[in-house]
Protein backbone atom coordinates (compact mmCIF):
# COMPACT_ATOMS: atom_id res chain seq x y z
CA UNK A 1 -15.60 -0.42 -2.13
CA UNK A 2 -12.45 -1.30 -0.90
CA UNK A 3 -11.18 -2.44 2.58
CA UNK A 4 -7.62 -0.75 1.89
CA UNK A 5 -6.70 2.58 2.50
CA UNK A 6 -7.04 5.43 -0.46
CA UNK A 7 -3.34 6.08 -1.82
CA UNK A 8 -2.20 9.68 -0.25
CA UNK A 9 -0.22 10.16 -3.47
CA UNK A 10 -2.05 9.45 -6.74
CA UNK A 11 -5.50 9.47 -4.05
CA UNK A 12 -6.77 6.97 -7.04
CA UNK A 13 -5.34 3.51 -6.09
CA UNK A 14 -5.56 1.59 -2.96
CA UNK A 15 -2.60 0.62 -0.62
CA UNK A 16 -1.89 -3.22 -0.24
CA UNK A 17 0.05 -5.13 1.82
CA UNK A 18 3.39 -6.20 -0.03
CA UNK A 19 6.06 -8.26 1.49
CA UNK A 20 9.37 -8.61 1.14
CA UNK A 21 10.26 -11.63 3.02
CA UNK A 22 9.42 -9.38 6.07
CA UNK A 23 5.92 -8.97 8.19
CA UNK A 24 3.32 -9.09 5.74
CA UNK A 25 2.15 -5.43 7.32
CA UNK A 26 5.28 -3.88 7.36
CA UNK A 27 5.36 -2.37 3.60
CA UNK A 28 2.16 -1.44 1.98
CA UNK A 29 2.10 -1.05 -1.98
CA UNK A 30 -0.55 1.47 -4.14
CA UNK A 31 -2.22 -0.23 -6.84
CA UNK A 32 -2.17 2.52 -9.57
CA UNK A 33 1.05 4.21 -9.23
CA UNK A 34 4.23 3.01 -7.81
CA UNK A 35 4.28 4.52 -4.64
CA UNK A 36 5.16 2.21 -1.20
CA UNK A 37 4.71 3.36 2.19
CA UNK A 38 6.45 1.39 5.07
CA UNK A 39 3.98 1.29 8.58
CA UNK A 40 6.28 0.24 11.67
């Protein structure tokens, strides 16, 4: 059971916080595919 939301693209991996020297929770990246999401 993961604490992170499921990836809407591949539905296999989880979306984890991924930072580009910005706010930690601004960018999320899938652990399985290369899908990225930006939350503001």
